[in-house]
PDB file of N, CA and C in Angstrom:
ATOM      1  N   MET A   1     -20.929  52.972  61.593  1.00  0.00           N
ATOM      2  CA  MET A   1     -20.660  51.561  61.760  1.00  0.00           C
ATOM      3  C   MET A   1     -20.193  50.942  60.437  1.00  0.00           C
ATOM      4  N   ASP A   2     -20.829  51.299  59.324  1.00  0.00           N
ATOM      5  CA  ASP A   2     -20.437  50.765  58.026  1.00  0.00           C
ATOM      6  C   ASP A   2     -18.992  51.121  57.684  1.00  0.00           C
ATOM      7  N   ALA A   3     -18.594  52.343  57.990  1.00  0.00           N
ATOM      8  CA  ALA A   3     -17.224  52.775  57.692  1.00  0.00           C
ATOM      9  C   ALA A   3     -16.204  51.966  58.493  1.00  0.00           C
ATOM     10  N   ILE A   4     -16.506  51.652  59.729  1.00  0.00           N
ATOM     11  CA  ILE A   4     -15.599  50.857  60.564  1.00  0.00           C
ATOM     12  C   ILE A   4     -15.460  49.449  60.008  1.00  0.00           C
ATOM     13  N   LEU A   5     -16.592  48.817  59.686  1.00  0.00           N
ATOM     14  CA  LEU A   5     -16.549  47.464  59.135  1.00  0.00           C
ATOM     15  C   LEU A   5     -15.848  47.435  57.782  1.00  0.00           C
ATOM     16  N   ARG A   6     -16.072  48.453  56.966  1.00  0.00           N
ATOM     17  CA  ARG A   6     -15.427  48.528  55.658  1.00  0.00           C
ATOM     18  C   ARG A   6     -13.911  48.607  55.823  1.00  0.00           C
ATOM     19  N   GLU A   7     -13.425  49.363  56.787  1.00  0.00           N
ATOM     20  CA  GLU A   7     -11.986  49.471  57.047  1.00  0.00           C
ATOM     21  C   GLU A   7     -11.425  48.160  57.600  1.00  0.00           C
ATOM     22  N   MET A   8     -12.181  47.489  58.455  1.00  0.00           N
ATOM     23  CA  MET A   8     -11.705  46.257  59.073  1.00  0.00           C
ATOM     24  C   MET A   8     -11.646  45.097  58.088  1.00  0.00           C
ATOM     25  N   TYR A   9     -12.621  45.007  57.197  1.00  0.00           N
ATOM     26  CA  TYR A   9     -12.739  43.843  56.321  1.00  0.00           C
ATOM     27  C   TYR A   9     -12.424  44.126  54.861  1.00  0.00           C
ATOM     28  N   ASN A  10     -11.871  45.273  54.577  1.00  0.00           N
ATOM     29  CA  ASN A  10     -11.493  45.598  53.203  1.00  0.00           C
ATOM     30  C   ASN A  10     -10.350  44.668  52.794  1.00  0.00           C
ATOM     31  N   ALA A  11     -10.575  43.822  51.804  1.00  0.00           N
ATOM     32  CA  ALA A  11      -9.611  42.782  51.413  1.00  0.00           C
ATOM     33  C   ALA A  11      -8.302  43.366  50.893  1.00  0.00           C
ATOM     34  N   LYS A  12      -8.334  44.523  50.277  1.00  0.00           N
ATOM     35  CA  LYS A  12      -7.122  45.085  49.679  1.00  0.00           C
ATOM     36  C   LYS A  12      -6.395  46.051  50.607  1.00  0.00           C
ATOM     37  N   HIS A  13      -6.897  46.258  51.785  1.00  0.00           N
ATOM     38  CA  HIS A  13      -6.314  47.214  52.711  1.00  0.00           C
ATOM     39  C   HIS A  13      -5.001  46.691  53.266  1.00  0.00           C
ATOM     40  N   GLY A  14      -3.901  47.331  52.935  1.00  0.00           N
ATOM     41  CA  GLY A  14      -2.618  46.986  53.508  1.00  0.00           C
ATOM     42  C   GLY A  14      -1.919  45.795  52.886  1.00  0.00           C
ATOM     43  N   GLU A  15      -2.485  45.201  51.842  1.00  0.00           N
ATOM     44  CA  GLU A  15      -1.848  44.048  51.210  1.00  0.00           C
ATOM     45  C   GLU A  15      -1.177  44.474  49.912  1.00  0.00           C
ATOM     46  N   PRO A  16       0.082  44.104  49.732  1.00  0.00           N
ATOM     47  CA  PRO A  16       0.755  44.452  48.476  1.00  0.00           C
ATOM     48  C   PRO A  16       0.219  43.613  47.317  1.00  0.00           C
ATOM     49  N   GLU A  17       0.351  44.134  46.120  1.00  0.00           N
ATOM     50  CA  GLU A  17      -0.086  43.424  44.916  1.00  0.00           C
ATOM     51  C   GLU A  17       0.828  42.219  44.698  1.00  0.00           C
ATOM     52  N   ARG A  18       0.259  41.050  44.446  1.00  0.00           N
ATOM     53  CA  ARG A  18       1.046  39.834  44.243  1.00  0.00           C
ATOM     54  C   ARG A  18       1.326  39.620  42.759  1.00  0.00           C
ATOM     55  N   ALA A  19       2.517  39.150  42.486  1.00  0.00           N
ATOM     56  CA  ALA A  19       2.867  38.785  41.118  1.00  0.00           C
ATOM     57  C   ALA A  19       2.264  37.414  40.814  1.00  0.00           C
ATOM     58  N   ALA A  20       2.032  37.137  39.548  1.00  0.00           N
ATOM     59  CA  ALA A  20       1.481  35.845  39.151  1.00  0.00           C
ATOM     60  C   ALA A  20       2.466  34.735  39.497  1.00  0.00           C
ATOM     61  N   TYR A  21       1.942  33.609  39.957  1.00  0.00           N
ATOM     62  CA  TYR A  21       2.789  32.482  40.346  1.00  0.00           C
ATOM     63  C   TYR A  21       3.326  31.809  39.088  1.00  0.00           C
ATOM     64  N   GLN A  22       4.623  31.564  39.082  1.00  0.00           N
ATOM     65  CA  GLN A  22       5.277  30.885  37.965  1.00  0.00           C
ATOM     66  C   GLN A  22       5.570  29.448  38.387  1.00  0.00           C
ATOM     67  N   LEU A  23       4.988  28.482  37.678  1.00  0.00           N
ATOM     68  CA  LEU A  23       5.203  27.078  37.978  1.00  0.00           C
ATOM     69  C   LEU A  23       6.639  26.703  37.645  1.00  0.00           C
ATOM     70  N   PRO A  24       7.367  26.057  38.577  1.00  0.00           N
ATOM     71  CA  PRO A  24       8.742  25.644  38.291  1.00  0.00           C
ATOM     72  C   PRO A  24       8.786  24.701  37.083  1.00  0.00           C
ATOM     73  N   GLU A  25       9.890  24.750  36.353  1.00  0.00           N
ATOM     74  CA  GLU A  25      10.007  23.989  35.109  1.00  0.00           C
ATOM     75  C   GLU A  25       9.862  22.484  35.338  1.00  0.00           C
ATOM     76  N   ASN A  26      10.414  21.978  36.454  1.00  0.00           N
ATOM     77  CA  ASN A  26      10.308  20.537  36.702  1.00  0.00           C
ATOM     78  C   ASN A  26       8.862  20.105  36.924  1.00  0.00           C
ATOM     79  N   LEU A  27       8.053  20.932  37.581  1.00  0.00           N
ATOM     80  CA  LEU A  27       6.647  20.583  37.784  1.00  0.00           C
ATOM     81  C   LEU A  27       5.862  20.709  36.486  1.00  0.00           C
ATOM     82  N   GLU A  28       6.206  21.692  35.682  1.00  0.00           N
ATOM     83  CA  GLU A  28       5.541  21.853  34.388  1.00  0.00           C
ATOM     84  C   GLU A  28       5.794  20.614  33.523  1.00  0.00           C
ATOM     85  N   THR A  29       7.034  20.140  33.509  1.00  0.00           N
ATOM     86  CA  THR A  29       7.382  18.944  32.753  1.00  0.00           C
ATOM     87  C   THR A  29       6.618  17.731  33.284  1.00  0.00           C
ATOM     88  N   TYR A  30       6.525  17.616  34.598  1.00  0.00           N
ATOM     89  CA  TYR A  30       5.807  16.507  35.222  1.00  0.00           C
ATOM     90  C   TYR A  30       4.345  16.489  34.790  1.00  0.00           C
ATOM     91  N   PHE A  31       3.671  17.640  34.871  1.00  0.00           N
ATOM     92  CA  PHE A  31       2.246  17.682  34.547  1.00  0.00           C
ATOM     93  C   PHE A  31       1.989  17.432  33.068  1.00  0.00           C
ATOM     94  N   VAL A  32       2.887  17.875  32.201  1.00  0.00           N
ATOM     95  CA  VAL A  32       2.747  17.600  30.769  1.00  0.00           C
ATOM     96  C   VAL A  32       2.864  16.098  30.529  1.00  0.00           C
ATOM     97  N   ALA A  33       3.866  15.463  31.156  1.00  0.00           N
ATOM     98  CA  ALA A  33       4.050  14.024  30.994  1.00  0.00           C
ATOM     99  C   ALA A  33       2.872  13.243  31.569  1.00  0.00           C
ATOM    100  N   LYS A  34       2.371  13.671  32.727  1.00  0.00           N
ATOM    101  CA  LYS A  34       1.235  12.992  33.358  1.00  0.00           C
ATOM    102  C   LYS A  34      -0.010  13.105  32.495  1.00  0.00           C
ATOM    103  N   ALA A  35      -0.249  14.276  31.922  1.00  0.00           N
ATOM    104  CA  ALA A  35      -1.422  14.472  31.079  1.00  0.00           C
ATOM    105  C   ALA A  35      -1.360  13.584  29.843  1.00  0.00           C
ATOM    106  N   SER A  36      -0.181  13.464  29.238  1.00  0.00           N
ATOM    107  CA  SER A  36      -0.074  12.619  28.051  1.00  0.00           C
ATOM    108  C   SER A  36      -0.213  11.142  28.427  1.00  0.00           C
ATOM    109  N   LYS A  37       0.291  10.759  29.592  1.00  0.00           N
ATOM    110  CA  LYS A  37       0.146   9.382  30.052  1.00  0.00           C
ATOM    111  C   LYS A  37      -1.318   9.063  30.353  1.00  0.00           C
ATOM    112  N   ASP A  38      -2.006   9.994  31.019  1.00  0.00           N
ATOM    113  CA  ASP A  38      -3.426   9.798  31.333  1.00  0.00           C
ATOM    114  C   ASP A  38      -4.258   9.732  30.051  1.00  0.00           C
ATOM    115  N   ALA A  39      -3.914  10.538  29.063  1.00  0.00           N
ATOM    116  CA  ALA A  39      -4.641  10.548  27.795  1.00  0.00           C
ATOM    117  C   ALA A  39      -4.447   9.227  27.054  1.00  0.00           C
ATOM    118  N   ALA A  40      -3.292   8.585  27.257  1.00  0.00           N
ATOM    119  CA  ALA A  40      -3.005   7.309  26.598  1.00  0.00           C
ATOM    120  C   ALA A  40      -3.709   6.150  27.303  1.00  0.00           C
ATOM    121  N   GLY A  41      -4.239   6.392  28.506  1.00  0.00           N
ATOM    122  CA  GLY A  41      -4.961   5.347  29.229  1.00  0.00           C
ATOM    123  C   GLY A  41      -4.079   4.498  30.105  1.00  0.00           C
ATOM    124  N   ASP A  42      -2.876   4.924  30.391  1.00  0.00           N
ATOM    125  CA  ASP A  42      -1.945   4.153  31.223  1.00  0.00           C
ATOM    126  C   ASP A  42      -2.037   4.589  32.685  1.00  0.00           C
ATOM    127  N   VAL A  43      -3.243   4.647  33.222  1.00  0.00           N
ATOM    128  CA  VAL A  43      -3.437   5.082  34.610  1.00  0.00           C
ATOM    129  C   VAL A  43      -3.243   3.898  35.532  1.00  0.00           C
ATOM    130  N   GLN A  44      -2.475   4.103  36.596  1.00  0.00           N
ATOM    131  CA  GLN A  44      -2.205   3.011  37.543  1.00  0.00           C
ATOM    132  C   GLN A  44      -3.229   2.999  38.637  1.00  0.00           C
TER     133      GLN A  44
END
């Protein structure tokens, strides 16, 4: 029974390795600007 459950619920079974997610440049720029604005206290 353990072997069956291990095969059914093994998280890595049949899944390809994922590459790290790369944040698009426009979103990276947005978050940098937002962080500096929030640090300055200009929160709306």
